[in-house]
PDB file of N, CA and C in Angstrom:
ATOM      1  N   UNK A   1      78.188  68.825  97.625  1.00  0.00           N
ATOM      2  CA  UNK A   1      78.339  69.882  98.617  1.00  0.00           C
ATOM      3  C   UNK A   1      79.452  69.540  99.609  1.00  0.00           C
ATOM      4  N   UNK A   2      79.506  68.285 100.030  1.00  0.00           N
ATOM      5  CA  UNK A   2      80.555  67.886 100.976  1.00  0.00           C
ATOM      6  C   UNK A   2      81.934  68.066 100.361  1.00  0.00           C
ATOM      7  N   UNK A   3      82.030  67.809  99.054  1.00  0.00           N
ATOM      8  CA  UNK A   3      83.307  67.960  98.371  1.00  0.00           C
ATOM      9  C   UNK A   3      83.748  69.420  98.384  1.00  0.00           C
ATOM     10  N   UNK A   4      82.834  70.334  98.155  1.00  0.00           N
ATOM     11  CA  UNK A   4      83.157  71.764  98.162  1.00  0.00           C
ATOM     12  C   UNK A   4      83.637  72.208  99.546  1.00  0.00           C
ATOM     13  N   UNK A   5      82.985  71.725 100.565  1.00  0.00           N
ATOM     14  CA  UNK A   5      83.384  72.075 101.926  1.00  0.00           C
ATOM     15  C   UNK A   5      84.782  71.520 102.214  1.00  0.00           C
ATOM     16  N   UNK A   6      85.049  70.308 101.800  1.00  0.00           N
ATOM     17  CA  UNK A   6      86.353  69.689 102.001  1.00  0.00           C
ATOM     18  C   UNK A   6      87.445  70.484 101.277  1.00  0.00           C
ATOM     19  N   UNK A   7      87.180  70.879 100.044  1.00  0.00           N
ATOM     20  CA  UNK A   7      88.155  71.661  99.277  1.00  0.00           C
ATOM     21  C   UNK A   7      88.408  73.009  99.949  1.00  0.00           C
ATOM     22  N   UNK A   8      87.362  73.639 100.425  1.00  0.00           N
ATOM     23  CA  UNK A   8      87.499  74.913 101.122  1.00  0.00           C
ATOM     24  C   UNK A   8      88.343  74.760 102.384  1.00  0.00           C
ATOM     25  N   UNK A   9      88.107  73.709 103.139  1.00  0.00           N
ATOM     26  CA  UNK A   9      88.890  73.471 104.357  1.00  0.00           C
ATOM     27  C   UNK A   9      90.359  73.222 104.037  1.00  0.00           C
ATOM     28  N   UNK A  10      90.637  72.471 102.978  1.00  0.00           N
ATOM     29  CA  UNK A  10      92.030  72.249 102.566  1.00  0.00           C
ATOM     30  C   UNK A  10      92.698  73.551 102.156  1.00  0.00           C
ATOM     31  N   UNK A  11      91.968  74.382 101.428  1.00  0.00           N
ATOM     32  CA  UNK A  11      92.500  75.672 101.013  1.00  0.00           C
ATOM     33  C   UNK A  11      92.824  76.543 102.225  1.00  0.00           C
ATOM     34  N   UNK A  12      91.897  76.629 103.154  1.00  0.00           N
ATOM     35  CA  UNK A  12      92.119  77.446 104.348  1.00  0.00           C
ATOM     36  C   UNK A  12      93.276  76.923 105.177  1.00  0.00           C
ATOM     37  N   UNK A  13      93.416  75.611 105.270  1.00  0.00           N
ATOM     38  CA  UNK A  13      94.528  75.027 106.014  1.00  0.00           C
ATOM     39  C   UNK A  13      95.846  75.397 105.363  1.00  0.00           C
ATOM     40  N   UNK A  14      95.908  75.359 104.060  1.00  0.00           N
ATOM     41  CA  UNK A  14      97.129  75.723 103.345  1.00  0.00           C
ATOM     42  C   UNK A  14      97.474  77.184 103.501  1.00  0.00           C
ATOM     43  N   UNK A  15      96.484  78.033 103.588  1.00  0.00           N
ATOM     44  CA  UNK A  15      96.715  79.473 103.725  1.00  0.00           C
ATOM     45  C   UNK A  15      97.218  79.846 105.116  1.00  0.00           C
ATOM     46  N   UNK A  16      96.914  79.060 106.094  1.00  0.00           N
ATOM     47  CA  UNK A  16      97.263  79.435 107.464  1.00  0.00           C
ATOM     48  C   UNK A  16      98.431  78.644 108.022  1.00  0.00           C
ATOM     49  N   UNK A  17      99.048  77.829 107.211  1.00  0.00           N
ATOM     50  CA  UNK A  17     100.159  77.021 107.702  1.00  0.00           C
ATOM     51  C   UNK A  17     101.472  77.745 107.453  1.00  0.00           C
ATOM     52  N   UNK A  18     102.091  78.264 108.505  1.00  0.00           N
ATOM     53  CA  UNK A  18     103.334  79.001 108.381  1.00  0.00           C
ATOM     54  C   UNK A  18     104.502  78.258 109.020  1.00  0.00           C
ATOM     55  N   UNK A  19     104.327  76.972 109.243  1.00  0.00           N
ATOM     56  CA  UNK A  19     105.387  76.171 109.860  1.00  0.00           C
ATOM     57  C   UNK A  19     106.638  76.216 108.994  1.00  0.00           C
ATOM     58  N   UNK A  20     107.731  76.594 109.588  1.00  0.00           N
ATOM     59  CA  UNK A  20     108.996  76.637 108.864  1.00  0.00           C
ATOM     60  C   UNK A  20     109.163  77.885 108.010  1.00  0.00           C
ATOM     61  N   UNK A  21     108.180  78.772 108.005  1.00  0.00           N
ATOM     62  CA  UNK A  21     108.267  79.983 107.198  1.00  0.00           C
ATOM     63  C   UNK A  21     109.161  81.001 107.880  1.00  0.00           C
ATOM     64  N   UNK A  22     110.021  81.608 107.118  1.00  0.00           N
ATOM     65  CA  UNK A  22     110.841  82.711 107.614  1.00  0.00           C
ATOM     66  C   UNK A  22     110.620  83.901 106.693  1.00  0.00           C
ATOM     67  N   UNK A  23     110.159  85.018 107.228  1.00  0.00           N
ATOM     68  CA  UNK A  23     109.955  86.188 106.372  1.00  0.00           C
ATOM     69  C   UNK A  23     111.293  86.702 105.847  1.00  0.00           C
ATOM     70  N   UNK A  24     111.264  87.316 104.692  1.00  0.00           N
ATOM     71  CA  UNK A  24     112.457  87.876 104.082  1.00  0.00           C
ATOM     72  C   UNK A  24     112.730  89.231 104.734  1.00  0.00           C
ATOM     73  N   UNK A  25     113.720  89.261 105.637  1.00  0.00           N
ATOM     74  CA  UNK A  25     114.033  90.454 106.424  1.00  0.00           C
ATOM     75  C   UNK A  25     115.212  91.188 105.798  1.00  0.00           C
ATOM     76  N   UNK A  26     115.125  92.508 105.742  1.00  0.00           N
ATOM     77  CA  UNK A  26     116.245  93.331 105.310  1.00  0.00           C
ATOM     78  C   UNK A  26     117.271  93.294 106.439  1.00  0.00           C
ATOM     79  N   UNK A  27     118.412  92.649 106.188  1.00  0.00           N
ATOM     80  CA  UNK A  27     119.403  92.411 107.246  1.00  0.00           C
ATOM     81  C   UNK A  27     120.442  93.520 107.386  1.00  0.00           C
ATOM     82  N   UNK A  28     120.321  94.591 106.612  1.00  0.00           N
ATOM     83  CA  UNK A  28     121.280  95.691 106.704  1.00  0.00           C
ATOM     84  C   UNK A  28     121.228  96.329 108.088  1.00  0.00           C
ATOM     85  N   UNK A  29     122.348  96.316 108.784  1.00  0.00           N
ATOM     86  CA  UNK A  29     122.445  96.913 110.109  1.00  0.00           C
ATOM     87  C   UNK A  29     121.822  96.088 111.230  1.00  0.00           C
ATOM     88  N   UNK A  30     121.485  94.846 110.958  1.00  0.00           N
ATOM     89  CA  UNK A  30     120.829  93.988 111.950  1.00  0.00           C
ATOM     90  C   UNK A  30     121.857  93.117 112.658  1.00  0.00           C
ATOM     91  N   UNK A  31     121.794  93.087 113.994  1.00  0.00           N
ATOM     92  CA  UNK A  31     122.645  92.203 114.786  1.00  0.00           C
ATOM     93  C   UNK A  31     122.107  90.784 114.653  1.00  0.00           C
ATOM     94  N   UNK A  32     122.912  89.886 114.109  1.00  0.00           N
ATOM     95  CA  UNK A  32     122.442  88.516 113.819  1.00  0.00           C
ATOM     96  C   UNK A  32     122.001  87.756 115.064  1.00  0.00           C
ATOM     97  N   UNK A  33     122.709  87.897 116.156  1.00  0.00           N
ATOM     98  CA  UNK A  33     122.317  87.151 117.359  1.00  0.00           C
ATOM     99  C   UNK A  33     120.977  87.646 117.899  1.00  0.00           C
ATOM    100  N   UNK A  34     120.741  88.960 117.821  1.00  0.00           N
ATOM    101  CA  UNK A  34     119.449  89.507 118.242  1.00  0.00           C
ATOM    102  C   UNK A  34     118.349  89.048 117.296  1.00  0.00           C
ATOM    103  N   UNK A  35     118.671  89.002 116.003  1.00  0.00           N
ATOM    104  CA  UNK A  35     117.706  88.529 115.000  1.00  0.00           C
ATOM    105  C   UNK A  35     117.274  87.094 115.306  1.00  0.00           C
ATOM    106  N   UNK A  36     118.242  86.238 115.633  1.00  0.00           N
ATOM    107  CA  UNK A  36     117.929  84.835 115.927  1.00  0.00           C
ATOM    108  C   UNK A  36     117.026  84.742 117.157  1.00  0.00           C
ATOM    109  N   UNK A  37     117.337  85.513 118.195  1.00  0.00           N
ATOM    110  CA  UNK A  37     116.498  85.511 119.405  1.00  0.00           C
ATOM    111  C   UNK A  37     115.081  86.002 119.097  1.00  0.00           C
ATOM    112  N   UNK A  38     114.995  87.090 118.329  1.00  0.00           N
ATOM    113  CA  UNK A  38     113.686  87.641 117.990  1.00  0.00           C
ATOM    114  C   UNK A  38     112.882  86.684 117.113  1.00  0.00           C
ATOM    115  N   UNK A  39     113.552  86.059 116.141  1.00  0.00           N
ATOM    116  CA  UNK A  39     112.865  85.118 115.254  1.00  0.00           C
ATOM    117  C   UNK A  39     112.319  83.940 116.058  1.00  0.00           C
ATOM    118  N   UNK A  40     113.130  83.425 116.966  1.00  0.00           N
ATOM    119  CA  UNK A  40     112.700  82.305 117.810  1.00  0.00           C
ATOM    120  C   UNK A  40     111.492  82.710 118.656  1.00  0.00           C
ATOM    121  N   UNK A  41     111.545  83.898 119.208  1.00  0.00           N
ATOM    122  CA  UNK A  41     110.436  84.406 120.020  1.00  0.00           C
ATOM    123  C   UNK A  41     109.161  84.542 119.183  1.00  0.00           C
ATOM    124  N   UNK A  42     109.296  85.066 117.969  1.00  0.00           N
ATOM    125  CA  UNK A  42     108.123  85.235 117.089  1.00  0.00           C
ATOM    126  C   UNK A  42     107.558  83.886 116.651  1.00  0.00           C
ATOM    127  N   UNK A  43     108.443  82.926 116.373  1.00  0.00           N
ATOM    128  CA  UNK A  43     107.974  81.593 115.992  1.00  0.00           C
ATOM    129  C   UNK A  43     107.197  80.942 117.130  1.00  0.00           C
ATOM    130  N   UNK A  44     107.708  81.086 118.353  1.00  0.00           N
ATOM    131  CA  UNK A  44     107.024  80.497 119.501  1.00  0.00           C
ATOM    132  C   UNK A  44     105.681  81.161 119.748  1.00  0.00           C
ATOM    133  N   UNK A  45     105.632  82.477 119.650  1.00  0.00           N
ATOM    134  CA  UNK A  45     104.368  83.167 119.902  1.00  0.00           C
ATOM    135  C   UNK A  45     103.357  82.903 118.786  1.00  0.00           C
ATOM    136  N   UNK A  46     103.840  82.701 117.551  1.00  0.00           N
ATOM    137  CA  UNK A  46     102.910  82.457 116.447  1.00  0.00           C
ATOM    138  C   UNK A  46     102.310  81.061 116.505  1.00  0.00           C
ATOM    139  N   UNK A  47     103.019  80.124 117.117  1.00  0.00           N
ATOM    140  CA  UNK A  47     102.490  78.759 117.188  1.00  0.00           C
ATOM    141  C   UNK A  47     101.284  78.670 118.113  1.00  0.00           C
ATOM    142  N   UNK A  48     101.148  79.612 119.020  1.00  0.00           N
ATOM    143  CA  UNK A  48     100.005  79.592 119.931  1.00  0.00           C
ATOM    144  C   UNK A  48      98.909  80.564 119.499  1.00  0.00           C
ATOM    145  N   UNK A  49      99.102  81.208 118.349  1.00  0.00           N
ATOM    146  CA  UNK A  49      98.156  82.224 117.904  1.00  0.00           C
ATOM    147  C   UNK A  49      96.878  81.648 117.319  1.00  0.00           C
ATOM    148  N   UNK A  50      96.923  80.443 116.781  1.00  0.00           N
ATOM    149  CA  UNK A  50      95.728  79.853 116.186  1.00  0.00           C
ATOM    150  C   UNK A  50      95.514  80.339 114.767  1.00  0.00           C
ATOM    151  N   UNK A  51      94.253  80.401 114.348  1.00  0.00           N
ATOM    152  CA  UNK A  51      93.911  80.780 112.973  1.00  0.00           C
ATOM    153  C   UNK A  51      94.350  82.202 112.679  1.00  0.00           C
ATOM    154  N   UNK A  52      95.008  82.375 111.528  1.00  0.00           N
ATOM    155  CA  UNK A  52      95.430  83.702 111.107  1.00  0.00           C
ATOM    156  C   UNK A  52      95.505  83.750 109.589  1.00  0.00           C
ATOM    157  N   UNK A  53      94.928  84.783 109.012  1.00  0.00           N
ATOM    158  CA  UNK A  53      94.997  84.954 107.566  1.00  0.00           C
ATOM    159  C   UNK A  53      96.313  85.616 107.200  1.00  0.00           C
ATOM    160  N   UNK A  54      96.799  86.509 108.040  1.00  0.00           N
ATOM    161  CA  UNK A  54      98.088  87.162 107.800  1.00  0.00           C
ATOM    162  C   UNK A  54      99.194  86.323 108.429  1.00  0.00           C
ATOM    163  N   UNK A  55     100.411  86.605 108.059  1.00  0.00           N
ATOM    164  CA  UNK A  55     101.537  85.852 108.594  1.00  0.00           C
ATOM    165  C   UNK A  55     101.931  86.394 109.961  1.00  0.00           C
ATOM    166  N   UNK A  56     101.695  85.631 111.021  1.00  0.00           N
ATOM    167  CA  UNK A  56     101.983  86.123 112.369  1.00  0.00           C
ATOM    168  C   UNK A  56     103.473  86.308 112.635  1.00  0.00           C
ATOM    169  N   UNK A  57     104.338  85.538 111.985  1.00  0.00           N
ATOM    170  CA  UNK A  57     105.779  85.679 112.212  1.00  0.00           C
ATOM    171  C   UNK A  57     106.269  86.993 111.617  1.00  0.00           C
ATOM    172  N   UNK A  58     105.875  87.284 110.384  1.00  0.00           N
ATOM    173  CA  UNK A  58     106.269  88.544 109.748  1.00  0.00           C
ATOM    174  C   UNK A  58     105.722  89.731 110.534  1.00  0.00           C
ATOM    175  N   UNK A  59     104.478  89.624 110.967  1.00  0.00           N
ATOM    176  CA  UNK A  59     103.844  90.686 111.742  1.00  0.00           C
ATOM    177  C   UNK A  59     104.615  90.943 113.046  1.00  0.00           C
ATOM    178  N   UNK A  60     105.025  89.879 113.708  1.00  0.00           N
ATOM    179  CA  UNK A  60     105.782  89.975 114.960  1.00  0.00           C
ATOM    180  C   UNK A  60     107.150  90.616 114.726  1.00  0.00           C
ATOM    181  N   UNK A  61     107.833  90.203 113.650  1.00  0.00           N
ATOM    182  CA  UNK A  61     109.166  90.756 113.367  1.00  0.00           C
ATOM    183  C   UNK A  61     109.082  92.245 113.035  1.00  0.00           C
ATOM    184  N   UNK A  62     108.064  92.652 112.296  1.00  0.00           N
ATOM    185  CA  UNK A  62     107.872  94.071 111.986  1.00  0.00           C
ATOM    186  C   UNK A  62     107.596  94.840 113.271  1.00  0.00           C
ATOM    187  N   UNK A  63     106.809  94.255 114.158  1.00  0.00           N
ATOM    188  CA  UNK A  63     106.515  94.899 115.444  1.00  0.00           C
ATOM    189  C   UNK A  63     107.777  95.074 116.280  1.00  0.00           C
ATOM    190  N   UNK A  64     108.760  94.215 116.076  1.00  0.00           N
ATOM    191  CA  UNK A  64     110.033  94.318 116.803  1.00  0.00           C
ATOM    192  C   UNK A  64     110.995  95.291 116.127  1.00  0.00           C
ATOM    193  N   UNK A  65     110.567  95.887 114.999  1.00  0.00           N
ATOM    194  CA  UNK A  65     111.378  96.916 114.349  1.00  0.00           C
ATOM    195  C   UNK A  65     112.109  96.465 113.095  1.00  0.00           C
ATOM    196  N   UNK A  66     111.913  95.234 112.663  1.00  0.00           N
ATOM    197  CA  UNK A  66     112.572  94.748 111.450  1.00  0.00           C
ATOM    198  C   UNK A  66     111.807  95.217 110.223  1.00  0.00           C
ATOM    199  N   UNK A  67     112.541  95.355 109.104  1.00  0.00           N
ATOM    200  CA  UNK A  67     111.923  95.732 107.839  1.00  0.00           C
ATOM    201  C   UNK A  67     111.872  94.500 106.947  1.00  0.00           C
ATOM    202  N   UNK A  68     110.716  94.288 106.340  1.00  0.00           N
ATOM    203  CA  UNK A  68     110.586  93.199 105.378  1.00  0.00           C
ATOM    204  C   UNK A  68     111.257  93.621 104.081  1.00  0.00           C
ATOM    205  N   UNK A  69     111.989  92.684 103.497  1.00  0.00           N
ATOM    206  CA  UNK A  69     112.637  92.928 102.223  1.00  0.00           C
ATOM    207  C   UNK A  69     111.821  92.251 101.125  1.00  0.00           C
ATOM    208  N   UNK A  70     111.638  92.951 100.042  1.00  0.00           N
ATOM    209  CA  UNK A  70     110.854  92.384  98.946  1.00  0.00           C
ATOM    210  C   UNK A  70     111.756  91.951  97.793  1.00  0.00           C
ATOM    211  N   UNK A  71     113.071  91.970  98.026  1.00  0.00           N
ATOM    212  CA  UNK A  71     113.997  91.496  96.985  1.00  0.00           C
ATOM    213  C   UNK A  71     114.215  90.002  97.145  1.00  0.00           C
ATOM    214  N   UNK A  72     114.528  89.355  96.054  1.00  0.00           N
ATOM    215  CA  UNK A  72     114.678  87.899  96.067  1.00  0.00           C
ATOM    216  C   UNK A  72     116.050  87.479  95.539  1.00  0.00           C
ATOM    217  N   UNK A  73     117.110  88.066  96.073  1.00  0.00           N
ATOM    218  CA  UNK A  73     118.442  87.649  95.617  1.00  0.00           C
ATOM    219  C   UNK A  73     119.159  86.883  96.667  1.00  0.00           C
TER     220      UNK A  73
END
């Protein structure tokens, strides 16, 4: 039983660790200097958010008006 709990905790820790994560943003028409400021702001606010199942950085960037890009080129 202890092993199952340990595995579950490791899984949850891996799911909520967004350190160094940058969401894939559609950069068309985006001012790069504003993007850098906004990204920094979202990273700082997400570090104090605590437990989160969703990605707080992506959520913050979308709230600031950015569009997530689902292309991988």
